[in-house]
């Protein structure tokens, strides 16, 4: 776990891409769930933030 946090603080590509991918996955799950209108309402924003984040962090150093 400390390697993951050190990678985030060191602006390494791997941990940030993992975090961005998790945001995209969470956004898709929020989009497909039938229980909460609030989750559905914010699913597009969460997916969009994850996608933009993934594009940005793909330019970080390895």
N, C-alpha and C. Protein backbone atom coordinates (compact mmCIF):
# COMPACT_ATOMS: atom_id res chain seq x y z
N UNK A 1 0.82 -1.20 0.00
CA UNK A 1 0.00 0.00 0.00
C UNK A 1 0.86 1.26 0.00
N UNK A 2 1.97 1.21 0.71
CA UNK A 2 2.82 2.40 0.74
C UNK A 2 3.45 2.67 -0.62
N UNK A 3 3.69 1.64 -1.41
CA UNK A 3 4.20 1.84 -2.76
C UNK A 3 3.20 2.55 -3.64
N UNK A 4 1.92 2.23 -3.45
CA UNK A 4 0.86 2.88 -4.23
C UNK A 4 0.79 4.36 -3.87
N UNK A 5 0.81 4.67 -2.58
CA UNK A 5 0.73 6.07 -2.14
C UNK A 5 1.98 6.83 -2.55
N UNK A 6 3.14 6.20 -2.46
CA UNK A 6 4.38 6.84 -2.90
C UNK A 6 4.34 7.13 -4.40
N UNK A 7 3.75 6.22 -5.16
CA UNK A 7 3.60 6.44 -6.60
C UNK A 7 2.67 7.59 -6.91
N UNK A 8 1.60 7.73 -6.12
CA UNK A 8 0.69 8.86 -6.32
C UNK A 8 1.38 10.17 -6.02
N UNK A 9 2.10 10.20 -4.90
CA UNK A 9 2.78 11.43 -4.51
C UNK A 9 3.94 11.75 -5.43
N UNK A 10 4.54 10.74 -6.01
CA UNK A 10 5.66 10.93 -6.93
C UNK A 10 5.22 11.15 -8.36
N UNK A 11 3.93 11.24 -8.59
CA UNK A 11 3.35 11.44 -9.93
C UNK A 11 3.84 10.39 -10.92
N UNK A 12 3.76 9.14 -10.51
CA UNK A 12 4.08 8.02 -11.41
C UNK A 12 2.83 7.61 -12.18
N UNK A 13 3.04 7.12 -13.37
CA UNK A 13 1.92 6.80 -14.26
C UNK A 13 1.05 5.66 -13.77
N UNK A 14 1.64 4.58 -13.30
CA UNK A 14 0.90 3.37 -12.94
C UNK A 14 -0.20 3.58 -11.91
N UNK A 15 0.13 4.13 -10.74
CA UNK A 15 -0.93 4.32 -9.73
C UNK A 15 -2.01 5.30 -10.17
N UNK A 16 -1.63 6.35 -10.88
CA UNK A 16 -2.64 7.32 -11.32
C UNK A 16 -3.55 6.73 -12.39
N UNK A 17 -2.98 5.91 -13.29
CA UNK A 17 -3.82 5.25 -14.29
C UNK A 17 -4.78 4.26 -13.63
N UNK A 18 -4.32 3.58 -12.58
CA UNK A 18 -5.19 2.66 -11.86
C UNK A 18 -6.34 3.42 -11.19
N UNK A 19 -6.04 4.57 -10.60
CA UNK A 19 -7.07 5.39 -9.98
C UNK A 19 -8.06 5.92 -11.01
N UNK A 20 -7.55 6.37 -12.16
CA UNK A 20 -8.43 6.85 -13.22
C UNK A 20 -9.32 5.73 -13.76
N UNK A 21 -8.76 4.54 -13.92
CA UNK A 21 -9.54 3.40 -14.39
C UNK A 21 -10.62 3.02 -13.38
N UNK A 22 -10.29 3.12 -12.10
CA UNK A 22 -11.28 2.83 -11.06
C UNK A 22 -12.42 3.84 -11.11
N UNK A 23 -12.10 5.12 -11.35
CA UNK A 23 -13.15 6.14 -11.47
C UNK A 23 -14.06 5.85 -12.67
N UNK A 24 -13.48 5.44 -13.77
CA UNK A 24 -14.28 5.11 -14.95
C UNK A 24 -15.20 3.94 -14.65
N UNK A 25 -14.66 2.91 -13.99
CA UNK A 25 -15.46 1.73 -13.65
C UNK A 25 -16.58 2.10 -12.67
N UNK A 26 -16.28 2.92 -11.68
CA UNK A 26 -17.30 3.35 -10.72
C UNK A 26 -18.39 4.14 -11.43
N UNK A 27 -18.01 5.00 -12.37
CA UNK A 27 -19.00 5.77 -13.12
C UNK A 27 -19.92 4.88 -13.95
N UNK A 28 -19.36 3.83 -14.55
CA UNK A 28 -20.19 2.92 -15.34
C UNK A 28 -21.14 2.14 -14.44
N UNK A 29 -20.65 1.70 -13.29
CA UNK A 29 -21.53 1.00 -12.35
C UNK A 29 -22.64 1.94 -11.87
N UNK A 30 -22.29 3.19 -11.59
CA UNK A 30 -23.30 4.17 -11.18
C UNK A 30 -24.36 4.35 -12.28
N UNK A 31 -23.93 4.29 -13.52
CA UNK A 31 -24.85 4.46 -14.65
C UNK A 31 -25.82 3.30 -14.77
N UNK A 32 -25.36 2.09 -14.43
CA UNK A 32 -26.19 0.90 -14.65
C UNK A 32 -27.04 0.48 -13.47
N UNK A 33 -26.83 1.09 -12.31
CA UNK A 33 -27.60 0.67 -11.13
C UNK A 33 -29.02 1.26 -11.19
N UNK A 34 -30.02 0.52 -10.76
CA UNK A 34 -31.41 0.98 -10.85
C UNK A 34 -31.98 1.55 -9.55
N UNK A 35 -31.17 1.77 -8.52
CA UNK A 35 -31.70 2.09 -7.21
C UNK A 35 -31.73 3.56 -6.86
N UNK A 36 -30.72 4.32 -7.25
CA UNK A 36 -30.58 5.69 -6.79
C UNK A 36 -30.49 6.67 -7.96
N UNK A 37 -31.40 7.62 -7.98
CA UNK A 37 -31.37 8.63 -9.03
C UNK A 37 -30.15 9.55 -8.87
N UNK A 38 -29.74 9.78 -7.61
CA UNK A 38 -28.57 10.63 -7.36
C UNK A 38 -27.31 10.01 -7.98
N UNK A 39 -27.12 8.70 -7.79
CA UNK A 39 -25.96 8.02 -8.38
C UNK A 39 -26.01 8.08 -9.90
N UNK A 40 -27.19 7.84 -10.45
CA UNK A 40 -27.35 7.89 -11.90
C UNK A 40 -27.05 9.30 -12.43
N UNK A 41 -27.49 10.31 -11.69
CA UNK A 41 -27.31 11.70 -12.13
C UNK A 41 -25.83 12.08 -12.21
N UNK A 42 -25.02 11.59 -11.30
CA UNK A 42 -23.61 11.95 -11.28
C UNK A 42 -22.71 10.95 -11.99
N UNK A 43 -23.27 9.92 -12.59
CA UNK A 43 -22.45 8.89 -13.23
C UNK A 43 -21.68 9.44 -14.43
N UNK A 44 -22.30 10.31 -15.21
CA UNK A 44 -21.61 10.86 -16.38
C UNK A 44 -20.42 11.72 -15.95
N UNK A 45 -20.60 12.53 -14.93
CA UNK A 45 -19.52 13.39 -14.44
C UNK A 45 -18.35 12.54 -13.94
N UNK A 46 -18.64 11.50 -13.18
CA UNK A 46 -17.58 10.64 -12.65
C UNK A 46 -16.84 9.94 -13.78
N UNK A 47 -17.56 9.44 -14.77
CA UNK A 47 -16.93 8.79 -15.91
C UNK A 47 -16.10 9.78 -16.71
N UNK A 48 -16.62 10.97 -16.90
CA UNK A 48 -15.89 12.01 -17.64
C UNK A 48 -14.61 12.41 -16.91
N UNK A 49 -14.68 12.60 -15.61
CA UNK A 49 -13.49 12.95 -14.83
C UNK A 49 -12.44 11.84 -14.93
N UNK A 50 -12.88 10.60 -14.83
CA UNK A 50 -11.96 9.48 -14.95
C UNK A 50 -11.30 9.41 -16.32
N UNK A 51 -12.06 9.68 -17.36
CA UNK A 51 -11.53 9.64 -18.72
C UNK A 51 -10.51 10.75 -18.95
N UNK A 52 -10.85 11.97 -18.55
CA UNK A 52 -9.93 13.09 -18.71
C UNK A 52 -8.68 12.87 -17.86
N UNK A 53 -8.87 12.35 -16.66
CA UNK A 53 -7.75 12.05 -15.79
C UNK A 53 -6.83 11.01 -16.43
N UNK A 54 -7.41 9.99 -17.05
CA UNK A 54 -6.61 8.96 -17.71
C UNK A 54 -5.80 9.56 -18.86
N UNK A 55 -6.40 10.46 -19.62
CA UNK A 55 -5.68 11.10 -20.73
C UNK A 55 -4.52 11.94 -20.21
N UNK A 56 -4.75 12.67 -19.13
CA UNK A 56 -3.70 13.52 -18.57
C UNK A 56 -2.56 12.68 -17.99
N UNK A 57 -2.90 11.69 -17.18
CA UNK A 57 -1.84 10.91 -16.52
C UNK A 57 -1.11 9.99 -17.47
N UNK A 58 -1.64 9.76 -18.65
CA UNK A 58 -0.90 8.95 -19.62
C UNK A 58 0.35 9.68 -20.11
N UNK A 59 0.48 10.97 -19.78
CA UNK A 59 1.67 11.73 -20.15
C UNK A 59 2.67 11.83 -18.99
N UNK A 60 2.35 11.23 -17.83
CA UNK A 60 3.29 11.21 -16.70
C UNK A 60 4.44 10.27 -17.02
N UNK A 61 5.54 10.43 -16.28
CA UNK A 61 6.68 9.54 -16.49
C UNK A 61 6.39 8.15 -15.93
N UNK A 62 7.04 7.19 -16.48
CA UNK A 62 6.84 5.80 -16.09
C UNK A 62 7.38 5.61 -14.70
